[in-house]
PDB file of all heavy atoms in Angstrom:
ATOM      1  N   GLU A   1     124.260-178.028-102.984  1.00  0.00           N
ATOM      2  CA  GLU A   1     123.334-179.002-102.404  1.00  0.00           C
ATOM      3  C   GLU A   1     122.262-178.290-101.572  1.00  0.00           C
ATOM      4  O   GLU A   1     121.075-178.631-101.649  1.00  0.00           O
ATOM      5  CB  GLU A   1     124.110-180.010-101.547  1.00  0.00           C
ATOM      6  CG  GLU A   1     123.326-181.227-101.168  1.00  0.00           C
ATOM      7  CD  GLU A   1     122.919-182.072-102.352  1.00  0.00           C
ATOM      8  OE1 GLU A   1     123.673-182.131-103.344  1.00  0.00           O
ATOM      9  OE2 GLU A   1     121.835-182.677-102.301  1.00  0.00           O
ATOM     10  N   ILE A   2     122.661-177.313-100.796  1.00  0.00           N
ATOM     11  CA  ILE A   2     121.708-176.530 -99.994  1.00  0.00           C
ATOM     12  C   ILE A   2     120.728-175.809-100.909  1.00  0.00           C
ATOM     13  O   ILE A   2     119.520-175.787-100.661  1.00  0.00           O
ATOM     14  CB  ILE A   2     122.455-175.535 -99.076  1.00  0.00           C
ATOM     15  CG1 ILE A   2     123.190-176.297 -97.980  1.00  0.00           C
ATOM     16  CG2 ILE A   2     121.495-174.510 -98.477  1.00  0.00           C
ATOM     17  CD1 ILE A   2     124.166-175.449 -97.177  1.00  0.00           C
ATOM     18  N   ARG A   3     121.236-175.227-101.994  1.00  0.00           N
ATOM     19  CA  ARG A   3     120.370-174.512-102.934  1.00  0.00           C
ATOM     20  C   ARG A   3     119.373-175.469-103.588  1.00  0.00           C
ATOM     21  O   ARG A   3     118.225-175.113-103.811  1.00  0.00           O
ATOM     22  CB  ARG A   3     121.203-173.781-103.980  1.00  0.00           C
ATOM     23  CG  ARG A   3     122.031-172.643-103.363  1.00  0.00           C
ATOM     24  CD  ARG A   3     122.866-171.907-104.381  1.00  0.00           C
ATOM     25  NE  ARG A   3     122.072-171.105-105.291  1.00  0.00           N
ATOM     26  CZ  ARG A   3     121.541-169.921-104.984  1.00  0.00           C
ATOM     27  NH1 ARG A   3     121.732-169.405-103.796  1.00  0.00           N
ATOM     28  NH2 ARG A   3     120.827-169.259-105.878  1.00  0.00           N
ATOM     29  N   ARG A   4     119.809-176.697-103.917  1.00  0.00           N
ATOM     30  CA  ARG A   4     118.891-177.687-104.500  1.00  0.00           C
ATOM     31  C   ARG A   4     117.774-178.015-103.514  1.00  0.00           C
ATOM     32  O   ARG A   4     116.606-178.103-103.885  1.00  0.00           O
ATOM     33  CB  ARG A   4     119.638-178.966-104.865  1.00  0.00           C
ATOM     34  CG  ARG A   4     120.344-178.896-106.175  1.00  0.00           C
ATOM     35  CD  ARG A   4     120.875-180.262-106.619  1.00  0.00           C
ATOM     36  NE  ARG A   4     121.637-180.111-107.834  1.00  0.00           N
ATOM     37  CZ  ARG A   4     122.956-179.959-107.892  1.00  0.00           C
ATOM     38  NH1 ARG A   4     123.666-179.973-106.787  1.00  0.00           N
ATOM     39  NH2 ARG A   4     123.565-179.798-109.041  1.00  0.00           N
ATOM     40  N   ILE A   5     118.139-178.230-102.256  1.00  0.00           N
ATOM     41  CA  ILE A   5     117.155-178.561-101.222  1.00  0.00           C
ATOM     42  C   ILE A   5     116.146-177.432-101.059  1.00  0.00           C
ATOM     43  O   ILE A   5     114.947-177.671-100.908  1.00  0.00           O
ATOM     44  CB  ILE A   5     117.860-178.875 -99.888  1.00  0.00           C
ATOM     45  CG1 ILE A   5     118.627-180.192-100.001  1.00  0.00           C
ATOM     46  CG2 ILE A   5     116.867-178.914 -98.733  1.00  0.00           C
ATOM     47  CD1 ILE A   5     119.590-180.458 -98.863  1.00  0.00           C
ATOM     48  N   LYS A   6     116.616-176.198-101.122  1.00  0.00           N
ATOM     49  CA  LYS A   6     115.733-175.029-100.960  1.00  0.00           C
ATOM     50  C   LYS A   6     114.966-174.700-102.239  1.00  0.00           C
ATOM     51  O   LYS A   6     114.095-173.837-102.228  1.00  0.00           O
ATOM     52  CB  LYS A   6     116.553-173.804-100.550  1.00  0.00           C
ATOM     53  CG  LYS A   6     117.094-173.889 -99.144  1.00  0.00           C
ATOM     54  CD  LYS A   6     117.839-172.621 -98.795  1.00  0.00           C
ATOM     55  CE  LYS A   6     118.321-172.638 -97.358  1.00  0.00           C
ATOM     56  NZ  LYS A   6     119.001-171.388 -97.006  1.00  0.00           N
ATOM     57  N   GLY A   7     115.291-175.365-103.347  1.00  0.00           N
ATOM     58  CA  GLY A   7     114.607-175.106-104.604  1.00  0.00           C
ATOM     59  C   GLY A   7     115.060-173.832-105.286  1.00  0.00           C
ATOM     60  O   GLY A   7     114.295-173.198-106.007  1.00  0.00           O
ATOM     61  N   LEU A   8     116.315-173.458-105.095  1.00  0.00           N
ATOM     62  CA  LEU A   8     116.868-172.252-105.698  1.00  0.00           C
ATOM     63  C   LEU A   8     117.695-172.608-106.933  1.00  0.00           C
ATOM     64  O   LEU A   8     118.212-173.714-107.044  1.00  0.00           O
ATOM     65  CB  LEU A   8     117.757-171.521-104.678  1.00  0.00           C
ATOM     66  CG  LEU A   8     117.062-171.054-103.404  1.00  0.00           C
ATOM     67  CD1 LEU A   8     118.097-170.539-102.404  1.00  0.00           C
ATOM     68  CD2 LEU A   8     116.035-169.995-103.726  1.00  0.00           C
ATOM     69  N   PRO A   9     117.840-171.667-107.863  1.00  0.00           N
ATOM     70  CA  PRO A   9     118.669-171.938-109.047  1.00  0.00           C
ATOM     71  C   PRO A   9     120.145-172.048-108.690  1.00  0.00           C
ATOM     72  O   PRO A   9     120.610-171.489-107.695  1.00  0.00           O
ATOM     73  CB  PRO A   9     118.422-170.736-109.957  1.00  0.00           C
ATOM     74  CG  PRO A   9     117.822-169.698-109.110  1.00  0.00           C
ATOM     75  CD  PRO A   9     117.218-170.361-107.919  1.00  0.00           C
ATOM     76  N   ILE A  10     120.872-172.787-109.528  1.00  0.00           N
ATOM     77  CA  ILE A  10     122.297-173.034-109.307  1.00  0.00           C
ATOM     78  C   ILE A  10     123.067-172.586-110.545  1.00  0.00           C
ATOM     79  O   ILE A  10     122.696-172.908-111.670  1.00  0.00           O
ATOM     80  CB  ILE A  10     122.548-174.538-109.063  1.00  0.00           C
ATOM     81  CG1 ILE A  10     121.825-174.979-107.802  1.00  0.00           C
ATOM     82  CG2 ILE A  10     124.038-174.842-108.977  1.00  0.00           C
ATOM     83  CD1 ILE A  10     121.771-176.465-107.625  1.00  0.00           C
ATOM     84  N   ALA A  11     124.136-171.848-110.326  1.00  0.00           N
ATOM     85  CA  ALA A  11     125.002-171.429-111.426  1.00  0.00           C
ATOM     86  C   ALA A  11     125.957-172.559-111.767  1.00  0.00           C
ATOM     87  O   ALA A  11     126.421-173.289-110.888  1.00  0.00           O
ATOM     88  CB  ALA A  11     125.785-170.185-111.042  1.00  0.00           C
ATOM     89  N   GLY A  12     126.249-172.717-113.049  1.00  0.00           N
ATOM     90  CA  GLY A  12     127.162-173.762-113.488  1.00  0.00           C
ATOM     91  C   GLY A  12     127.888-173.346-114.752  1.00  0.00           C
ATOM     92  O   GLY A  12     127.678-172.248-115.274  1.00  0.00           O
ATOM     93  N   TYR A  13     128.733-174.245-115.239  1.00  0.00           N
ATOM     94  CA  TYR A  13     129.491-173.983-116.455  1.00  0.00           C
ATOM     95  C   TYR A  13     129.474-175.238-117.308  1.00  0.00           C
ATOM     96  O   TYR A  13     129.825-176.325-116.845  1.00  0.00           O
ATOM     97  CB  TYR A  13     130.932-173.592-116.111  1.00  0.00           C
ATOM     98  CG  TYR A  13     131.724-173.141-117.299  1.00  0.00           C
ATOM     99  CD1 TYR A  13     131.567-171.856-117.811  1.00  0.00           C
ATOM    100  CD2 TYR A  13     132.618-173.993-117.923  1.00  0.00           C
ATOM    101  CE1 TYR A  13     132.286-171.436-118.921  1.00  0.00           C
ATOM    102  CE2 TYR A  13     133.343-173.584-119.031  1.00  0.00           C
ATOM    103  CZ  TYR A  13     133.181-172.304-119.519  1.00  0.00           C
ATOM    104  OH  TYR A  13     133.885-171.890-120.610  1.00  0.00           O
ATOM    105  N   ASP A  14     129.028-175.096-118.541  1.00  0.00           N
ATOM    106  CA  ASP A  14     128.959-176.212-119.481  1.00  0.00           C
ATOM    107  C   ASP A  14     130.283-176.289-120.232  1.00  0.00           C
ATOM    108  O   ASP A  14     130.608-175.410-121.031  1.00  0.00           O
ATOM    109  CB  ASP A  14     127.802-175.990-120.447  1.00  0.00           C
ATOM    110  CG  ASP A  14     127.521-177.204-121.309  1.00  0.00           C
ATOM    111  OD1 ASP A  14     128.420-178.049-121.481  1.00  0.00           O
ATOM    112  OD2 ASP A  14     126.396-177.290-121.809  1.00  0.00           O
ATOM    113  N   LYS A  15     131.059-177.323-119.973  1.00  0.00           N
ATOM    114  CA  LYS A  15     132.376-177.464-120.594  1.00  0.00           C
ATOM    115  C   LYS A  15     132.274-177.774-122.086  1.00  0.00           C
ATOM    116  O   LYS A  15     133.176-177.450-122.843  1.00  0.00           O
ATOM    117  CB  LYS A  15     133.184-178.558-119.882  1.00  0.00           C
ATOM    118  CG  LYS A  15     133.575-178.169-118.480  1.00  0.00           C
ATOM    119  CD  LYS A  15     134.360-179.263-117.803  1.00  0.00           C
ATOM    120  CE  LYS A  15     134.688-178.871-116.375  1.00  0.00           C
ATOM    121  NZ  LYS A  15     135.389-179.918-115.659  1.00  0.00           N
ATOM    122  N   GLU A  16     131.181-178.403-122.513  1.00  0.00           N
ATOM    123  CA  GLU A  16     131.006-178.730-123.927  1.00  0.00           C
ATOM    124  C   GLU A  16     130.798-177.477-124.776  1.00  0.00           C
ATOM    125  O   GLU A  16     131.338-177.356-125.864  1.00  0.00           O
ATOM    126  CB  GLU A  16     129.836-179.680-124.110  1.00  0.00           C
ATOM    127  CG  GLU A  16     130.098-181.063-123.557  1.00  0.00           C
ATOM    128  CD  GLU A  16     128.896-181.981-123.710  1.00  0.00           C
ATOM    129  OE1 GLU A  16     127.941-181.626-124.443  1.00  0.00           O
ATOM    130  OE2 GLU A  16     128.909-183.044-123.093  1.00  0.00           O
ATOM    131  N   THR A  17     129.986-176.543-124.268  1.00  0.00           N
ATOM    132  CA  THR A  17     129.704-175.316-125.024  1.00  0.00           C
ATOM    133  C   THR A  17     130.538-174.135-124.549  1.00  0.00           C
ATOM    134  O   THR A  17     130.465-173.063-125.144  1.00  0.00           O
ATOM    135  CB  THR A  17     128.215-174.941-124.915  1.00  0.00           C
ATOM    136  OG1 THR A  17     127.902-174.667-123.539  1.00  0.00           O
ATOM    137  CG2 THR A  17     127.320-176.043-125.443  1.00  0.00           C
ATOM    138  N   ASN A  18     131.290-174.332-123.469  1.00  0.00           N
ATOM    139  CA  ASN A  18     132.111-173.264-122.887  1.00  0.00           C
ATOM    140  C   ASN A  18     131.290-172.030-122.529  1.00  0.00           C
ATOM    141  O   ASN A  18     131.699-170.902-122.806  1.00  0.00           O
ATOM    142  CB  ASN A  18     133.271-172.884-123.814  1.00  0.00           C
ATOM    143  CG  ASN A  18     134.262-174.006-123.963  1.00  0.00           C
ATOM    144  OD1 ASN A  18     134.523-174.738-123.011  1.00  0.00           O
ATOM    145  ND2 ASN A  18     134.795-174.163-125.158  1.00  0.00           N
ATOM    146  N   ARG A  19     130.124-172.270-121.931  1.00  0.00           N
ATOM    147  CA  ARG A  19     129.245-171.168-121.551  1.00  0.00           C
ATOM    148  C   ARG A  19     128.707-171.372-120.147  1.00  0.00           C
ATOM    149  O   ARG A  19     128.378-172.496-119.753  1.00  0.00           O
ATOM    150  CB  ARG A  19     128.069-171.081-122.523  1.00  0.00           C
ATOM    151  CG  ARG A  19     128.503-170.678-123.917  1.00  0.00           C
ATOM    152  CD  ARG A  19     127.413-170.808-124.939  1.00  0.00           C
ATOM    153  NE  ARG A  19     126.182-170.136-124.553  1.00  0.00           N
ATOM    154  CZ  ARG A  19     125.008-170.394-125.127  1.00  0.00           C
ATOM    155  NH1 ARG A  19     124.918-171.273-126.079  1.00  0.00           N
ATOM    156  NH2 ARG A  19     123.937-169.747-124.728  1.00  0.00           N
ATOM    157  N   PRO A  20     128.568-170.284-119.390  1.00  0.00           N
ATOM    158  CA  PRO A  20     127.945-170.376-118.063  1.00  0.00           C
ATOM    159  C   PRO A  20     126.423-170.488-118.207  1.00  0.00           C
ATOM    160  O   PRO A  20     125.850-170.072-119.214  1.00  0.00           O
ATOM    161  CB  PRO A  20     128.348-169.070-117.393  1.00  0.00           C
ATOM    162  CG  PRO A  20     128.579-168.126-118.506  1.00  0.00           C
ATOM    163  CD  PRO A  20     129.064-168.944-119.665  1.00  0.00           C
ATOM    164  N   TYR A  21     125.796-171.072-117.198  1.00  0.00           N
ATOM    165  CA  TYR A  21     124.343-171.208-117.213  1.00  0.00           C
ATOM    166  C   TYR A  21     123.799-171.145-115.795  1.00  0.00           C
ATOM    167  O   TYR A  21     124.533-171.237-114.819  1.00  0.00           O
ATOM    168  CB  TYR A  21     123.920-172.519-117.878  1.00  0.00           C
ATOM    169  CG  TYR A  21     124.395-173.750-117.138  1.00  0.00           C
ATOM    170  CD1 TYR A  21     123.675-174.275-116.066  1.00  0.00           C
ATOM    171  CD2 TYR A  21     125.567-174.398-117.505  1.00  0.00           C
ATOM    172  CE1 TYR A  21     124.113-175.401-115.392  1.00  0.00           C
ATOM    173  CE2 TYR A  21     126.010-175.520-116.845  1.00  0.00           C
ATOM    174  CZ  TYR A  21     125.281-176.021-115.785  1.00  0.00           C
ATOM    175  OH  TYR A  21     125.717-177.120-115.106  1.00  0.00           O
ATOM    176  N   ILE A  22     122.484-170.989-115.732  1.00  0.00           N
ATOM    177  CA  ILE A  22     121.764-171.102-114.459  1.00  0.00           C
ATOM    178  C   ILE A  22     120.798-172.266-114.623  1.00  0.00           C
ATOM    179  O   ILE A  22     120.031-172.319-115.589  1.00  0.00           O
ATOM    180  CB  ILE A  22     121.014-169.809-114.109  1.00  0.00           C
ATOM    181  CG1 ILE A  22     122.023-168.701-113.871  1.00  0.00           C
ATOM    182  CG2 ILE A  22     120.119-170.021-112.894  1.00  0.00           C
ATOM    183  CD1 ILE A  22     121.434-167.381-113.459  1.00  0.00           C
ATOM    184  N   GLU A  23     120.867-173.222-113.693  1.00  0.00           N
ATOM    185  CA  GLU A  23     119.983-174.380-113.736  1.00  0.00           C
ATOM    186  C   GLU A  23     118.906-174.209-112.677  1.00  0.00           C
ATOM    187  O   GLU A  23     119.191-173.994-111.503  1.00  0.00           O
ATOM    188  CB  GLU A  23     120.767-175.670-113.476  1.00  0.00           C
ATOM    189  CG  GLU A  23     119.928-176.899-113.615  1.00  0.00           C
ATOM    190  CD  GLU A  23     120.724-178.177-113.485  1.00  0.00           C
ATOM    191  OE1 GLU A  23     121.956-178.139-113.614  1.00  0.00           O
ATOM    192  OE2 GLU A  23     120.100-179.217-113.259  1.00  0.00           O
ATOM    193  N   TYR A  24     117.661-174.300-113.125  1.00  0.00           N
ATOM    194  CA  TYR A  24     116.521-174.123-112.237  1.00  0.00           C
ATOM    195  C   TYR A  24     116.079-175.472-111.664  1.00  0.00           C
ATOM    196  O   TYR A  24     116.422-176.529-112.219  1.00  0.00           O
ATOM    197  CB  TYR A  24     115.387-173.438-112.999  1.00  0.00           C
ATOM    198  CG  TYR A  24     115.750-172.012-113.353  1.00  0.00           C
ATOM    199  CD1 TYR A  24     116.353-171.711-114.571  1.00  0.00           C
ATOM    200  CD2 TYR A  24     115.539-170.980-112.454  1.00  0.00           C
ATOM    201  CE1 TYR A  24     116.712-170.410-114.889  1.00  0.00           C
ATOM    202  CE2 TYR A  24     115.898-169.677-112.760  1.00  0.00           C
ATOM    203  CZ  TYR A  24     116.481-169.405-113.973  1.00  0.00           C
ATOM    204  OH  TYR A  24     116.854-168.129-114.272  1.00  0.00           O
ATOM    205  N   PRO A  25     115.334-175.463-110.576  1.00  0.00           N
ATOM    206  CA  PRO A  25     114.926-176.721-109.939  1.00  0.00           C
ATOM    207  C   PRO A  25     114.175-177.686-110.855  1.00  0.00           C
ATOM    208  O   PRO A  25     114.235-178.891-110.661  1.00  0.00           O
ATOM    209  CB  PRO A  25     114.016-176.261-108.794  1.00  0.00           C
ATOM    210  CG  PRO A  25     114.488-174.885-108.480  1.00  0.00           C
ATOM    211  CD  PRO A  25     114.908-174.301-109.801  1.00  0.00           C
ATOM    212  N   ASP A  26     113.507-177.165-111.894  1.00  0.00           N
ATOM    213  CA  ASP A  26     112.779-178.035-112.811  1.00  0.00           C
ATOM    214  C   ASP A  26     113.692-178.670-113.864  1.00  0.00           C
ATOM    215  O   ASP A  26     113.253-179.402-114.746  1.00  0.00           O
ATOM    216  CB  ASP A  26     111.642-177.284-113.495  1.00  0.00           C
ATOM    217  CG  ASP A  26     112.106-176.095-114.332  1.00  0.00           C
ATOM    218  OD1 ASP A  26     113.333-175.884-114.455  1.00  0.00           O
ATOM    219  OD2 ASP A  26     111.241-175.382-114.873  1.00  0.00           O
ATOM    220  N   GLY A  27     115.022-178.370-113.799  1.00  0.00           N
ATOM    221  CA  GLY A  27     115.988-178.953-114.706  1.00  0.00           C
ATOM    222  C   GLY A  27     116.304-178.078-115.923  1.00  0.00           C
ATOM    223  O   GLY A  27     117.189-178.390-116.702  1.00  0.00           O
ATOM    224  N   ARG A  28     115.553-177.015-116.092  1.00  0.00           N
ATOM    225  CA  ARG A  28     115.756-176.102-117.215  1.00  0.00           C
ATOM    226  C   ARG A  28     117.064-175.328-117.029  1.00  0.00           C
ATOM    227  O   ARG A  28     117.378-174.893-115.937  1.00  0.00           O
ATOM    228  CB  ARG A  28     114.565-175.149-117.262  1.00  0.00           C
ATOM    229  CG  ARG A  28     114.627-174.061-118.262  1.00  0.00           C
ATOM    230  CD  ARG A  28     113.329-173.253-118.257  1.00  0.00           C
ATOM    231  NE  ARG A  28     112.916-172.856-116.925  1.00  0.00           N
ATOM    232  CZ  ARG A  28     113.166-171.657-116.381  1.00  0.00           C
ATOM    233  NH1 ARG A  28     113.825-170.762-117.069  1.00  0.00           N
ATOM    234  NH2 ARG A  28     112.748-171.374-115.175  1.00  0.00           N
TER     235      ARG A  28
END
């Protein structure tokens, strides 16, 4: 939540594709 407020990318994991990702503030 802090990273979203600051406009920083967030690391995540897509359970459908079983792959890690980085989500940028623009949603990419």
